[in-house]
PDBML (XML) file of the C-alpha atoms, coordinates in Angstrom:
<?xml version="1.0" encoding="UTF-8" ?>
<PDBx:datablock datablockName="MODEL"
   xmlns:PDBx="http://pdbml.pdb.org/schema/pdbx-v50.xsd"
   xmlns:xsi="http://www.w3.org/2001/XMLSchema-instance"
   xsi:schemaLocation="http://pdbml.pdb.org/schema/pdbx-v50.xsd pdbx-v50.xsd">
   <PDBx:atom_siteCategory>
      <PDBx:atom_site id="1">
         <PDBx:B_iso_or_equiv>0.00</PDBx:B_iso_or_equiv>
         <PDBx:Cartn_x>-8.447</PDBx:Cartn_x>
         <PDBx:Cartn_y>8.462</PDBx:Cartn_y>
         <PDBx:Cartn_z>25.587</PDBx:Cartn_z>
         <PDBx:auth_asym_id>A</PDBx:auth_asym_id>
         <PDBx:auth_atom_id>CA</PDBx:auth_atom_id>
         <PDBx:auth_comp_id>ARG</PDBx:auth_comp_id>
         <PDBx:auth_seq_id>1</PDBx:auth_seq_id>
         <PDBx:group_PDB>ATOM</PDBx:group_PDB>
         <PDBx:label_alt_id xsi:nil="true" />
         <PDBx:label_asym_id>A</PDBx:label_asym_id>
         <PDBx:label_atom_id>CA</PDBx:label_atom_id>
         <PDBx:label_comp_id>ARG</PDBx:label_comp_id>
         <PDBx:label_entity_id>1</PDBx:label_entity_id>
         <PDBx:label_seq_id>1</PDBx:label_seq_id>
         <PDBx:occupancy>1.00</PDBx:occupancy>
         <PDBx:pdbx_PDB_model_num>1</PDBx:pdbx_PDB_model_num>
         <PDBx:type_symbol>C</PDBx:type_symbol>
      </PDBx:atom_site>
      <PDBx:atom_site id="2">
         <PDBx:B_iso_or_equiv>0.00</PDBx:B_iso_or_equiv>
         <PDBx:Cartn_x>-8.854</PDBx:Cartn_x>
         <PDBx:Cartn_y>11.100</PDBx:Cartn_y>
         <PDBx:Cartn_z>28.409</PDBx:Cartn_z>
         <PDBx:auth_asym_id>A</PDBx:auth_asym_id>
         <PDBx:auth_atom_id>CA</PDBx:auth_atom_id>
         <PDBx:auth_comp_id>GLN</PDBx:auth_comp_id>
         <PDBx:auth_seq_id>2</PDBx:auth_seq_id>
         <PDBx:group_PDB>ATOM</PDBx:group_PDB>
         <PDBx:label_alt_id xsi:nil="true" />
         <PDBx:label_asym_id>A</PDBx:label_asym_id>
         <PDBx:label_atom_id>CA</PDBx:label_atom_id>
         <PDBx:label_comp_id>GLN</PDBx:label_comp_id>
         <PDBx:label_entity_id>1</PDBx:label_entity_id>
         <PDBx:label_seq_id>2</PDBx:label_seq_id>
         <PDBx:occupancy>1.00</PDBx:occupancy>
         <PDBx:pdbx_PDB_model_num>1</PDBx:pdbx_PDB_model_num>
         <PDBx:type_symbol>C</PDBx:type_symbol>
      </PDBx:atom_site>
      <PDBx:atom_site id="3">
         <PDBx:B_iso_or_equiv>0.00</PDBx:B_iso_or_equiv>
         <PDBx:Cartn_x>-9.545</PDBx:Cartn_x>
         <PDBx:Cartn_y>6.975</PDBx:Cartn_y>
         <PDBx:Cartn_z>30.257</PDBx:Cartn_z>
         <PDBx:auth_asym_id>A</PDBx:auth_asym_id>
         <PDBx:auth_atom_id>CA</PDBx:auth_atom_id>
         <PDBx:auth_comp_id>TRP</PDBx:auth_comp_id>
         <PDBx:auth_seq_id>3</PDBx:auth_seq_id>
         <PDBx:group_PDB>ATOM</PDBx:group_PDB>
         <PDBx:label_alt_id xsi:nil="true" />
         <PDBx:label_asym_id>A</PDBx:label_asym_id>
         <PDBx:label_atom_id>CA</PDBx:label_atom_id>
         <PDBx:label_comp_id>TRP</PDBx:label_comp_id>
         <PDBx:label_entity_id>1</PDBx:label_entity_id>
         <PDBx:label_seq_id>3</PDBx:label_seq_id>
         <PDBx:occupancy>1.00</PDBx:occupancy>
         <PDBx:pdbx_PDB_model_num>1</PDBx:pdbx_PDB_model_num>
         <PDBx:type_symbol>C</PDBx:type_symbol>
      </PDBx:atom_site>
      <PDBx:atom_site id="4">
         <PDBx:B_iso_or_equiv>0.00</PDBx:B_iso_or_equiv>
         <PDBx:Cartn_x>-7.002</PDBx:Cartn_x>
         <PDBx:Cartn_y>3.677</PDBx:Cartn_y>
         <PDBx:Cartn_z>31.483</PDBx:Cartn_z>
         <PDBx:auth_asym_id>A</PDBx:auth_asym_id>
         <PDBx:auth_atom_id>CA</PDBx:auth_atom_id>
         <PDBx:auth_comp_id>ARG</PDBx:auth_comp_id>
         <PDBx:auth_seq_id>4</PDBx:auth_seq_id>
         <PDBx:group_PDB>ATOM</PDBx:group_PDB>
         <PDBx:label_alt_id xsi:nil="true" />
         <PDBx:label_asym_id>A</PDBx:label_asym_id>
         <PDBx:label_atom_id>CA</PDBx:label_atom_id>
         <PDBx:label_comp_id>ARG</PDBx:label_comp_id>
         <PDBx:label_entity_id>1</PDBx:label_entity_id>
         <PDBx:label_seq_id>4</PDBx:label_seq_id>
         <PDBx:occupancy>1.00</PDBx:occupancy>
         <PDBx:pdbx_PDB_model_num>1</PDBx:pdbx_PDB_model_num>
         <PDBx:type_symbol>C</PDBx:type_symbol>
      </PDBx:atom_site>
      <PDBx:atom_site id="5">
         <PDBx:B_iso_or_equiv>0.00</PDBx:B_iso_or_equiv>
         <PDBx:Cartn_x>-8.922</PDBx:Cartn_x>
         <PDBx:Cartn_y>0.588</PDBx:Cartn_y>
         <PDBx:Cartn_z>29.068</PDBx:Cartn_z>
         <PDBx:auth_asym_id>A</PDBx:auth_asym_id>
         <PDBx:auth_atom_id>CA</PDBx:auth_atom_id>
         <PDBx:auth_comp_id>ALA</PDBx:auth_comp_id>
         <PDBx:auth_seq_id>5</PDBx:auth_seq_id>
         <PDBx:group_PDB>ATOM</PDBx:group_PDB>
         <PDBx:label_alt_id xsi:nil="true" />
         <PDBx:label_asym_id>A</PDBx:label_asym_id>
         <PDBx:label_atom_id>CA</PDBx:label_atom_id>
         <PDBx:label_comp_id>ALA</PDBx:label_comp_id>
         <PDBx:label_entity_id>1</PDBx:label_entity_id>
         <PDBx:label_seq_id>5</PDBx:label_seq_id>
         <PDBx:occupancy>1.00</PDBx:occupancy>
         <PDBx:pdbx_PDB_model_num>1</PDBx:pdbx_PDB_model_num>
         <PDBx:type_symbol>C</PDBx:type_symbol>
      </PDBx:atom_site>
      <PDBx:atom_site id="6">
         <PDBx:B_iso_or_equiv>0.00</PDBx:B_iso_or_equiv>
         <PDBx:Cartn_x>-7.400</PDBx:Cartn_x>
         <PDBx:Cartn_y>0.295</PDBx:Cartn_y>
         <PDBx:Cartn_z>25.944</PDBx:Cartn_z>
         <PDBx:auth_asym_id>A</PDBx:auth_asym_id>
         <PDBx:auth_atom_id>CA</PDBx:auth_atom_id>
         <PDBx:auth_comp_id>LEU</PDBx:auth_comp_id>
         <PDBx:auth_seq_id>6</PDBx:auth_seq_id>
         <PDBx:group_PDB>ATOM</PDBx:group_PDB>
         <PDBx:label_alt_id xsi:nil="true" />
         <PDBx:label_asym_id>A</PDBx:label_asym_id>
         <PDBx:label_atom_id>CA</PDBx:label_atom_id>
         <PDBx:label_comp_id>LEU</PDBx:label_comp_id>
         <PDBx:label_entity_id>1</PDBx:label_entity_id>
         <PDBx:label_seq_id>6</PDBx:label_seq_id>
         <PDBx:occupancy>1.00</PDBx:occupancy>
         <PDBx:pdbx_PDB_model_num>1</PDBx:pdbx_PDB_model_num>
         <PDBx:type_symbol>C</PDBx:type_symbol>
      </PDBx:atom_site>
      <PDBx:atom_site id="7">
         <PDBx:B_iso_or_equiv>0.00</PDBx:B_iso_or_equiv>
         <PDBx:Cartn_x>-9.640</PDBx:Cartn_x>
         <PDBx:Cartn_y>0.312</PDBx:Cartn_y>
         <PDBx:Cartn_z>22.595</PDBx:Cartn_z>
         <PDBx:auth_asym_id>A</PDBx:auth_asym_id>
         <PDBx:auth_atom_id>CA</PDBx:auth_atom_id>
         <PDBx:auth_comp_id>ASN</PDBx:auth_comp_id>
         <PDBx:auth_seq_id>7</PDBx:auth_seq_id>
         <PDBx:group_PDB>ATOM</PDBx:group_PDB>
         <PDBx:label_alt_id xsi:nil="true" />
         <PDBx:label_asym_id>A</PDBx:label_asym_id>
         <PDBx:label_atom_id>CA</PDBx:label_atom_id>
         <PDBx:label_comp_id>ASN</PDBx:label_comp_id>
         <PDBx:label_entity_id>1</PDBx:label_entity_id>
         <PDBx:label_seq_id>7</PDBx:label_seq_id>
         <PDBx:occupancy>1.00</PDBx:occupancy>
         <PDBx:pdbx_PDB_model_num>1</PDBx:pdbx_PDB_model_num>
         <PDBx:type_symbol>C</PDBx:type_symbol>
      </PDBx:atom_site>
      <PDBx:atom_site id="8">
         <PDBx:B_iso_or_equiv>0.00</PDBx:B_iso_or_equiv>
         <PDBx:Cartn_x>-10.209</PDBx:Cartn_x>
         <PDBx:Cartn_y>0.349</PDBx:Cartn_y>
         <PDBx:Cartn_z>18.810</PDBx:Cartn_z>
         <PDBx:auth_asym_id>A</PDBx:auth_asym_id>
         <PDBx:auth_atom_id>CA</PDBx:auth_atom_id>
         <PDBx:auth_comp_id>VAL</PDBx:auth_comp_id>
         <PDBx:auth_seq_id>8</PDBx:auth_seq_id>
         <PDBx:group_PDB>ATOM</PDBx:group_PDB>
         <PDBx:label_alt_id xsi:nil="true" />
         <PDBx:label_asym_id>A</PDBx:label_asym_id>
         <PDBx:label_atom_id>CA</PDBx:label_atom_id>
         <PDBx:label_comp_id>VAL</PDBx:label_comp_id>
         <PDBx:label_entity_id>1</PDBx:label_entity_id>
         <PDBx:label_seq_id>8</PDBx:label_seq_id>
         <PDBx:occupancy>1.00</PDBx:occupancy>
         <PDBx:pdbx_PDB_model_num>1</PDBx:pdbx_PDB_model_num>
         <PDBx:type_symbol>C</PDBx:type_symbol>
      </PDBx:atom_site>
      <PDBx:atom_site id="9">
         <PDBx:B_iso_or_equiv>0.00</PDBx:B_iso_or_equiv>
         <PDBx:Cartn_x>-12.336</PDBx:Cartn_x>
         <PDBx:Cartn_y>2.751</PDBx:Cartn_y>
         <PDBx:Cartn_z>17.434</PDBx:Cartn_z>
         <PDBx:auth_asym_id>A</PDBx:auth_asym_id>
         <PDBx:auth_atom_id>CA</PDBx:auth_atom_id>
         <PDBx:auth_comp_id>ALA</PDBx:auth_comp_id>
         <PDBx:auth_seq_id>9</PDBx:auth_seq_id>
         <PDBx:group_PDB>ATOM</PDBx:group_PDB>
         <PDBx:label_alt_id xsi:nil="true" />
         <PDBx:label_asym_id>A</PDBx:label_asym_id>
         <PDBx:label_atom_id>CA</PDBx:label_atom_id>
         <PDBx:label_comp_id>ALA</PDBx:label_comp_id>
         <PDBx:label_entity_id>1</PDBx:label_entity_id>
         <PDBx:label_seq_id>9</PDBx:label_seq_id>
         <PDBx:occupancy>1.00</PDBx:occupancy>
         <PDBx:pdbx_PDB_model_num>1</PDBx:pdbx_PDB_model_num>
         <PDBx:type_symbol>C</PDBx:type_symbol>
      </PDBx:atom_site>
      <PDBx:atom_site id="10">
         <PDBx:B_iso_or_equiv>0.00</PDBx:B_iso_or_equiv>
         <PDBx:Cartn_x>-10.761</PDBx:Cartn_x>
         <PDBx:Cartn_y>5.492</PDBx:Cartn_y>
         <PDBx:Cartn_z>17.361</PDBx:Cartn_z>
         <PDBx:auth_asym_id>A</PDBx:auth_asym_id>
         <PDBx:auth_atom_id>CA</PDBx:auth_atom_id>
         <PDBx:auth_comp_id>ALA</PDBx:auth_comp_id>
         <PDBx:auth_seq_id>10</PDBx:auth_seq_id>
         <PDBx:group_PDB>ATOM</PDBx:group_PDB>
         <PDBx:label_alt_id xsi:nil="true" />
         <PDBx:label_asym_id>A</PDBx:label_asym_id>
         <PDBx:label_atom_id>CA</PDBx:label_atom_id>
         <PDBx:label_comp_id>ALA</PDBx:label_comp_id>
         <PDBx:label_entity_id>1</PDBx:label_entity_id>
         <PDBx:label_seq_id>10</PDBx:label_seq_id>
         <PDBx:occupancy>1.00</PDBx:occupancy>
         <PDBx:pdbx_PDB_model_num>1</PDBx:pdbx_PDB_model_num>
         <PDBx:type_symbol>C</PDBx:type_symbol>
      </PDBx:atom_site>
      <PDBx:atom_site id="11">
         <PDBx:B_iso_or_equiv>0.00</PDBx:B_iso_or_equiv>
         <PDBx:Cartn_x>-14.114</PDBx:Cartn_x>
         <PDBx:Cartn_y>7.829</PDBx:Cartn_y>
         <PDBx:Cartn_z>18.109</PDBx:Cartn_z>
         <PDBx:auth_asym_id>A</PDBx:auth_asym_id>
         <PDBx:auth_atom_id>CA</PDBx:auth_atom_id>
         <PDBx:auth_comp_id>SER</PDBx:auth_comp_id>
         <PDBx:auth_seq_id>11</PDBx:auth_seq_id>
         <PDBx:group_PDB>ATOM</PDBx:group_PDB>
         <PDBx:label_alt_id xsi:nil="true" />
         <PDBx:label_asym_id>A</PDBx:label_asym_id>
         <PDBx:label_atom_id>CA</PDBx:label_atom_id>
         <PDBx:label_comp_id>SER</PDBx:label_comp_id>
         <PDBx:label_entity_id>1</PDBx:label_entity_id>
         <PDBx:label_seq_id>11</PDBx:label_seq_id>
         <PDBx:occupancy>1.00</PDBx:occupancy>
         <PDBx:pdbx_PDB_model_num>1</PDBx:pdbx_PDB_model_num>
         <PDBx:type_symbol>C</PDBx:type_symbol>
      </PDBx:atom_site>
      <PDBx:atom_site id="12">
         <PDBx:B_iso_or_equiv>0.00</PDBx:B_iso_or_equiv>
         <PDBx:Cartn_x>-12.878</PDBx:Cartn_x>
         <PDBx:Cartn_y>6.798</PDBx:Cartn_y>
         <PDBx:Cartn_z>21.710</PDBx:Cartn_z>
         <PDBx:auth_asym_id>A</PDBx:auth_asym_id>
         <PDBx:auth_atom_id>CA</PDBx:auth_atom_id>
         <PDBx:auth_comp_id>GLU</PDBx:auth_comp_id>
         <PDBx:auth_seq_id>12</PDBx:auth_seq_id>
         <PDBx:group_PDB>ATOM</PDBx:group_PDB>
         <PDBx:label_alt_id xsi:nil="true" />
         <PDBx:label_asym_id>A</PDBx:label_asym_id>
         <PDBx:label_atom_id>CA</PDBx:label_atom_id>
         <PDBx:label_comp_id>GLU</PDBx:label_comp_id>
         <PDBx:label_entity_id>1</PDBx:label_entity_id>
         <PDBx:label_seq_id>12</PDBx:label_seq_id>
         <PDBx:occupancy>1.00</PDBx:occupancy>
         <PDBx:pdbx_PDB_model_num>1</PDBx:pdbx_PDB_model_num>
         <PDBx:type_symbol>C</PDBx:type_symbol>
      </PDBx:atom_site>
      <PDBx:atom_site id="13">
         <PDBx:B_iso_or_equiv>0.00</PDBx:B_iso_or_equiv>
         <PDBx:Cartn_x>-9.608</PDBx:Cartn_x>
         <PDBx:Cartn_y>9.131</PDBx:Cartn_y>
         <PDBx:Cartn_z>21.516</PDBx:Cartn_z>
         <PDBx:auth_asym_id>A</PDBx:auth_asym_id>
         <PDBx:auth_atom_id>CA</PDBx:auth_atom_id>
         <PDBx:auth_comp_id>TYR</PDBx:auth_comp_id>
         <PDBx:auth_seq_id>13</PDBx:auth_seq_id>
         <PDBx:group_PDB>ATOM</PDBx:group_PDB>
         <PDBx:label_alt_id xsi:nil="true" />
         <PDBx:label_asym_id>A</PDBx:label_asym_id>
         <PDBx:label_atom_id>CA</PDBx:label_atom_id>
         <PDBx:label_comp_id>TYR</PDBx:label_comp_id>
         <PDBx:label_entity_id>1</PDBx:label_entity_id>
         <PDBx:label_seq_id>13</PDBx:label_seq_id>
         <PDBx:occupancy>1.00</PDBx:occupancy>
         <PDBx:pdbx_PDB_model_num>1</PDBx:pdbx_PDB_model_num>
         <PDBx:type_symbol>C</PDBx:type_symbol>
      </PDBx:atom_site>
      <PDBx:atom_site id="14">
         <PDBx:B_iso_or_equiv>0.00</PDBx:B_iso_or_equiv>
         <PDBx:Cartn_x>-10.454</PDBx:Cartn_x>
         <PDBx:Cartn_y>12.203</PDBx:Cartn_y>
         <PDBx:Cartn_z>22.565</PDBx:Cartn_z>
         <PDBx:auth_asym_id>A</PDBx:auth_asym_id>
         <PDBx:auth_atom_id>CA</PDBx:auth_atom_id>
         <PDBx:auth_comp_id>ALA</PDBx:auth_comp_id>
         <PDBx:auth_seq_id>14</PDBx:auth_seq_id>
         <PDBx:group_PDB>ATOM</PDBx:group_PDB>
         <PDBx:label_alt_id xsi:nil="true" />
         <PDBx:label_asym_id>A</PDBx:label_asym_id>
         <PDBx:label_atom_id>CA</PDBx:label_atom_id>
         <PDBx:label_comp_id>ALA</PDBx:label_comp_id>
         <PDBx:label_entity_id>1</PDBx:label_entity_id>
         <PDBx:label_seq_id>14</PDBx:label_seq_id>
         <PDBx:occupancy>1.00</PDBx:occupancy>
         <PDBx:pdbx_PDB_model_num>1</PDBx:pdbx_PDB_model_num>
         <PDBx:type_symbol>C</PDBx:type_symbol>
      </PDBx:atom_site>
      <PDBx:atom_site id="15">
         <PDBx:B_iso_or_equiv>0.00</PDBx:B_iso_or_equiv>
         <PDBx:Cartn_x>-7.058</PDBx:Cartn_x>
         <PDBx:Cartn_y>13.703</PDBx:Cartn_y>
         <PDBx:Cartn_z>21.515</PDBx:Cartn_z>
         <PDBx:auth_asym_id>A</PDBx:auth_asym_id>
         <PDBx:auth_atom_id>CA</PDBx:auth_atom_id>
         <PDBx:auth_comp_id>TYR</PDBx:auth_comp_id>
         <PDBx:auth_seq_id>15</PDBx:auth_seq_id>
         <PDBx:group_PDB>ATOM</PDBx:group_PDB>
         <PDBx:label_alt_id xsi:nil="true" />
         <PDBx:label_asym_id>A</PDBx:label_asym_id>
         <PDBx:label_atom_id>CA</PDBx:label_atom_id>
         <PDBx:label_comp_id>TYR</PDBx:label_comp_id>
         <PDBx:label_entity_id>1</PDBx:label_entity_id>
         <PDBx:label_seq_id>15</PDBx:label_seq_id>
         <PDBx:occupancy>1.00</PDBx:occupancy>
         <PDBx:pdbx_PDB_model_num>1</PDBx:pdbx_PDB_model_num>
         <PDBx:type_symbol>C</PDBx:type_symbol>
      </PDBx:atom_site>
      <PDBx:atom_site id="16">
         <PDBx:B_iso_or_equiv>0.00</PDBx:B_iso_or_equiv>
         <PDBx:Cartn_x>-4.407</PDBx:Cartn_x>
         <PDBx:Cartn_y>13.249</PDBx:Cartn_y>
         <PDBx:Cartn_z>18.167</PDBx:Cartn_z>
         <PDBx:auth_asym_id>A</PDBx:auth_asym_id>
         <PDBx:auth_atom_id>CA</PDBx:auth_atom_id>
         <PDBx:auth_comp_id>TRP</PDBx:auth_comp_id>
         <PDBx:auth_seq_id>16</PDBx:auth_seq_id>
         <PDBx:group_PDB>ATOM</PDBx:group_PDB>
         <PDBx:label_alt_id xsi:nil="true" />
         <PDBx:label_asym_id>A</PDBx:label_asym_id>
         <PDBx:label_atom_id>CA</PDBx:label_atom_id>
         <PDBx:label_comp_id>TRP</PDBx:label_comp_id>
         <PDBx:label_entity_id>1</PDBx:label_entity_id>
         <PDBx:label_seq_id>16</PDBx:label_seq_id>
         <PDBx:occupancy>1.00</PDBx:occupancy>
         <PDBx:pdbx_PDB_model_num>1</PDBx:pdbx_PDB_model_num>
         <PDBx:type_symbol>C</PDBx:type_symbol>
      </PDBx:atom_site>
      <PDBx:atom_site id="17">
         <PDBx:B_iso_or_equiv>0.00</PDBx:B_iso_or_equiv>
         <PDBx:Cartn_x>-1.052</PDBx:Cartn_x>
         <PDBx:Cartn_y>13.750</PDBx:Cartn_y>
         <PDBx:Cartn_z>16.191</PDBx:Cartn_z>
         <PDBx:auth_asym_id>A</PDBx:auth_asym_id>
         <PDBx:auth_atom_id>CA</PDBx:auth_atom_id>
         <PDBx:auth_comp_id>GLY</PDBx:auth_comp_id>
         <PDBx:auth_seq_id>17</PDBx:auth_seq_id>
         <PDBx:group_PDB>ATOM</PDBx:group_PDB>
         <PDBx:label_alt_id xsi:nil="true" />
         <PDBx:label_asym_id>A</PDBx:label_asym_id>
         <PDBx:label_atom_id>CA</PDBx:label_atom_id>
         <PDBx:label_comp_id>GLY</PDBx:label_comp_id>
         <PDBx:label_entity_id>1</PDBx:label_entity_id>
         <PDBx:label_seq_id>17</PDBx:label_seq_id>
         <PDBx:occupancy>1.00</PDBx:occupancy>
         <PDBx:pdbx_PDB_model_num>1</PDBx:pdbx_PDB_model_num>
         <PDBx:type_symbol>C</PDBx:type_symbol>
      </PDBx:atom_site>
      <PDBx:atom_site id="18">
         <PDBx:B_iso_or_equiv>0.00</PDBx:B_iso_or_equiv>
         <PDBx:Cartn_x>-1.198</PDBx:Cartn_x>
         <PDBx:Cartn_y>14.912</PDBx:Cartn_y>
         <PDBx:Cartn_z>12.823</PDBx:Cartn_z>
         <PDBx:auth_asym_id>A</PDBx:auth_asym_id>
         <PDBx:auth_atom_id>CA</PDBx:auth_atom_id>
         <PDBx:auth_comp_id>GLN</PDBx:auth_comp_id>
         <PDBx:auth_seq_id>18</PDBx:auth_seq_id>
         <PDBx:group_PDB>ATOM</PDBx:group_PDB>
         <PDBx:label_alt_id xsi:nil="true" />
         <PDBx:label_asym_id>A</PDBx:label_asym_id>
         <PDBx:label_atom_id>CA</PDBx:label_atom_id>
         <PDBx:label_comp_id>GLN</PDBx:label_comp_id>
         <PDBx:label_entity_id>1</PDBx:label_entity_id>
         <PDBx:label_seq_id>18</PDBx:label_seq_id>
         <PDBx:occupancy>1.00</PDBx:occupancy>
         <PDBx:pdbx_PDB_model_num>1</PDBx:pdbx_PDB_model_num>
         <PDBx:type_symbol>C</PDBx:type_symbol>
      </PDBx:atom_site>
      <PDBx:atom_site id="19">
         <PDBx:B_iso_or_equiv>0.00</PDBx:B_iso_or_equiv>
         <PDBx:Cartn_x>0.663</PDBx:Cartn_x>
         <PDBx:Cartn_y>11.442</PDBx:Cartn_y>
         <PDBx:Cartn_z>12.131</PDBx:Cartn_z>
         <PDBx:auth_asym_id>A</PDBx:auth_asym_id>
         <PDBx:auth_atom_id>CA</PDBx:auth_atom_id>
         <PDBx:auth_comp_id>GLY</PDBx:auth_comp_id>
         <PDBx:auth_seq_id>19</PDBx:auth_seq_id>
         <PDBx:group_PDB>ATOM</PDBx:group_PDB>
         <PDBx:label_alt_id xsi:nil="true" />
         <PDBx:label_asym_id>A</PDBx:label_asym_id>
         <PDBx:label_atom_id>CA</PDBx:label_atom_id>
         <PDBx:label_comp_id>GLY</PDBx:label_comp_id>
         <PDBx:label_entity_id>1</PDBx:label_entity_id>
         <PDBx:label_seq_id>19</PDBx:label_seq_id>
         <PDBx:occupancy>1.00</PDBx:occupancy>
         <PDBx:pdbx_PDB_model_num>1</PDBx:pdbx_PDB_model_num>
         <PDBx:type_symbol>C</PDBx:type_symbol>
      </PDBx:atom_site>
      <PDBx:atom_site id="20">
         <PDBx:B_iso_or_equiv>0.00</PDBx:B_iso_or_equiv>
         <PDBx:Cartn_x>3.598</PDBx:Cartn_x>
         <PDBx:Cartn_y>10.544</PDBx:Cartn_y>
         <PDBx:Cartn_z>10.720</PDBx:Cartn_z>
         <PDBx:auth_asym_id>A</PDBx:auth_asym_id>
         <PDBx:auth_atom_id>CA</PDBx:auth_atom_id>
         <PDBx:auth_comp_id>THR</PDBx:auth_comp_id>
         <PDBx:auth_seq_id>20</PDBx:auth_seq_id>
         <PDBx:group_PDB>ATOM</PDBx:group_PDB>
         <PDBx:label_alt_id xsi:nil="true" />
         <PDBx:label_asym_id>A</PDBx:label_asym_id>
         <PDBx:label_atom_id>CA</PDBx:label_atom_id>
         <PDBx:label_comp_id>THR</PDBx:label_comp_id>
         <PDBx:label_entity_id>1</PDBx:label_entity_id>
         <PDBx:label_seq_id>20</PDBx:label_seq_id>
         <PDBx:occupancy>1.00</PDBx:occupancy>
         <PDBx:pdbx_PDB_model_num>1</PDBx:pdbx_PDB_model_num>
         <PDBx:type_symbol>C</PDBx:type_symbol>
      </PDBx:atom_site>
      <PDBx:atom_site id="21">
         <PDBx:B_iso_or_equiv>0.00</PDBx:B_iso_or_equiv>
         <PDBx:Cartn_x>3.820</PDBx:Cartn_x>
         <PDBx:Cartn_y>9.336</PDBx:Cartn_y>
         <PDBx:Cartn_z>6.686</PDBx:Cartn_z>
         <PDBx:auth_asym_id>A</PDBx:auth_asym_id>
         <PDBx:auth_atom_id>CA</PDBx:auth_atom_id>
         <PDBx:auth_comp_id>GLN</PDBx:auth_comp_id>
         <PDBx:auth_seq_id>21</PDBx:auth_seq_id>
         <PDBx:group_PDB>ATOM</PDBx:group_PDB>
         <PDBx:label_alt_id xsi:nil="true" />
         <PDBx:label_asym_id>A</PDBx:label_asym_id>
         <PDBx:label_atom_id>CA</PDBx:label_atom_id>
         <PDBx:label_comp_id>GLN</PDBx:label_comp_id>
         <PDBx:label_entity_id>1</PDBx:label_entity_id>
         <PDBx:label_seq_id>21</PDBx:label_seq_id>
         <PDBx:occupancy>1.00</PDBx:occupancy>
         <PDBx:pdbx_PDB_model_num>1</PDBx:pdbx_PDB_model_num>
         <PDBx:type_symbol>C</PDBx:type_symbol>
      </PDBx:atom_site>
      <PDBx:atom_site id="22">
         <PDBx:B_iso_or_equiv>0.00</PDBx:B_iso_or_equiv>
         <PDBx:Cartn_x>5.400</PDBx:Cartn_x>
         <PDBx:Cartn_y>5.430</PDBx:Cartn_y>
         <PDBx:Cartn_z>6.724</PDBx:Cartn_z>
         <PDBx:auth_asym_id>A</PDBx:auth_asym_id>
         <PDBx:auth_atom_id>CA</PDBx:auth_atom_id>
         <PDBx:auth_comp_id>VAL</PDBx:auth_comp_id>
         <PDBx:auth_seq_id>22</PDBx:auth_seq_id>
         <PDBx:group_PDB>ATOM</PDBx:group_PDB>
         <PDBx:label_alt_id xsi:nil="true" />
         <PDBx:label_asym_id>A</PDBx:label_asym_id>
         <PDBx:label_atom_id>CA</PDBx:label_atom_id>
         <PDBx:label_comp_id>VAL</PDBx:label_comp_id>
         <PDBx:label_entity_id>1</PDBx:label_entity_id>
         <PDBx:label_seq_id>22</PDBx:label_seq_id>
         <PDBx:occupancy>1.00</PDBx:occupancy>
         <PDBx:pdbx_PDB_model_num>1</PDBx:pdbx_PDB_model_num>
         <PDBx:type_symbol>C</PDBx:type_symbol>
      </PDBx:atom_site>
      <PDBx:atom_site id="23">
         <PDBx:B_iso_or_equiv>0.00</PDBx:B_iso_or_equiv>
         <PDBx:Cartn_x>5.987</PDBx:Cartn_x>
         <PDBx:Cartn_y>4.359</PDBx:Cartn_y>
         <PDBx:Cartn_z>2.911</PDBx:Cartn_z>
         <PDBx:auth_asym_id>A</PDBx:auth_asym_id>
         <PDBx:auth_atom_id>CA</PDBx:auth_atom_id>
         <PDBx:auth_comp_id>THR</PDBx:auth_comp_id>
         <PDBx:auth_seq_id>23</PDBx:auth_seq_id>
         <PDBx:group_PDB>ATOM</PDBx:group_PDB>
         <PDBx:label_alt_id xsi:nil="true" />
         <PDBx:label_asym_id>A</PDBx:label_asym_id>
         <PDBx:label_atom_id>CA</PDBx:label_atom_id>
         <PDBx:label_comp_id>THR</PDBx:label_comp_id>
         <PDBx:label_entity_id>1</PDBx:label_entity_id>
         <PDBx:label_seq_id>23</PDBx:label_seq_id>
         <PDBx:occupancy>1.00</PDBx:occupancy>
         <PDBx:pdbx_PDB_model_num>1</PDBx:pdbx_PDB_model_num>
         <PDBx:type_symbol>C</PDBx:type_symbol>
      </PDBx:atom_site>
      <PDBx:atom_site id="24">
         <PDBx:B_iso_or_equiv>0.00</PDBx:B_iso_or_equiv>
         <PDBx:Cartn_x>7.851</PDBx:Cartn_x>
         <PDBx:Cartn_y>0.888</PDBx:Cartn_y>
         <PDBx:Cartn_z>1.744</PDBx:Cartn_z>
         <PDBx:auth_asym_id>A</PDBx:auth_asym_id>
         <PDBx:auth_atom_id>CA</PDBx:auth_atom_id>
         <PDBx:auth_comp_id>VAL</PDBx:auth_comp_id>
         <PDBx:auth_seq_id>24</PDBx:auth_seq_id>
         <PDBx:group_PDB>ATOM</PDBx:group_PDB>
         <PDBx:label_alt_id xsi:nil="true" />
         <PDBx:label_asym_id>A</PDBx:label_asym_id>
         <PDBx:label_atom_id>CA</PDBx:label_atom_id>
         <PDBx:label_comp_id>VAL</PDBx:label_comp_id>
         <PDBx:label_entity_id>1</PDBx:label_entity_id>
         <PDBx:label_seq_id>24</PDBx:label_seq_id>
         <PDBx:occupancy>1.00</PDBx:occupancy>
         <PDBx:pdbx_PDB_model_num>1</PDBx:pdbx_PDB_model_num>
         <PDBx:type_symbol>C</PDBx:type_symbol>
      </PDBx:atom_site>
      <PDBx:atom_site id="25">
         <PDBx:B_iso_or_equiv>0.00</PDBx:B_iso_or_equiv>
         <PDBx:Cartn_x>8.737</PDBx:Cartn_x>
         <PDBx:Cartn_y>-0.457</PDBx:Cartn_y>
         <PDBx:Cartn_z>-0.863</PDBx:Cartn_z>
         <PDBx:auth_asym_id>A</PDBx:auth_asym_id>
         <PDBx:auth_atom_id>CA</PDBx:auth_atom_id>
         <PDBx:auth_comp_id>SER</PDBx:auth_comp_id>
         <PDBx:auth_seq_id>25</PDBx:auth_seq_id>
         <PDBx:group_PDB>ATOM</PDBx:group_PDB>
         <PDBx:label_alt_id xsi:nil="true" />
         <PDBx:label_asym_id>A</PDBx:label_asym_id>
         <PDBx:label_atom_id>CA</PDBx:label_atom_id>
         <PDBx:label_comp_id>SER</PDBx:label_comp_id>
         <PDBx:label_entity_id>1</PDBx:label_entity_id>
         <PDBx:label_seq_id>25</PDBx:label_seq_id>
         <PDBx:occupancy>1.00</PDBx:occupancy>
         <PDBx:pdbx_PDB_model_num>1</PDBx:pdbx_PDB_model_num>
         <PDBx:type_symbol>C</PDBx:type_symbol>
      </PDBx:atom_site>
   </PDBx:atom_siteCategory>
</PDBx:datablock>
């Protein structure tokens, strides 16, 4: 986020990583 307070909404986050796959068998 661009702010200190935590948030549960994805739309409130400005910057994102590319992601990493987690697979549980």
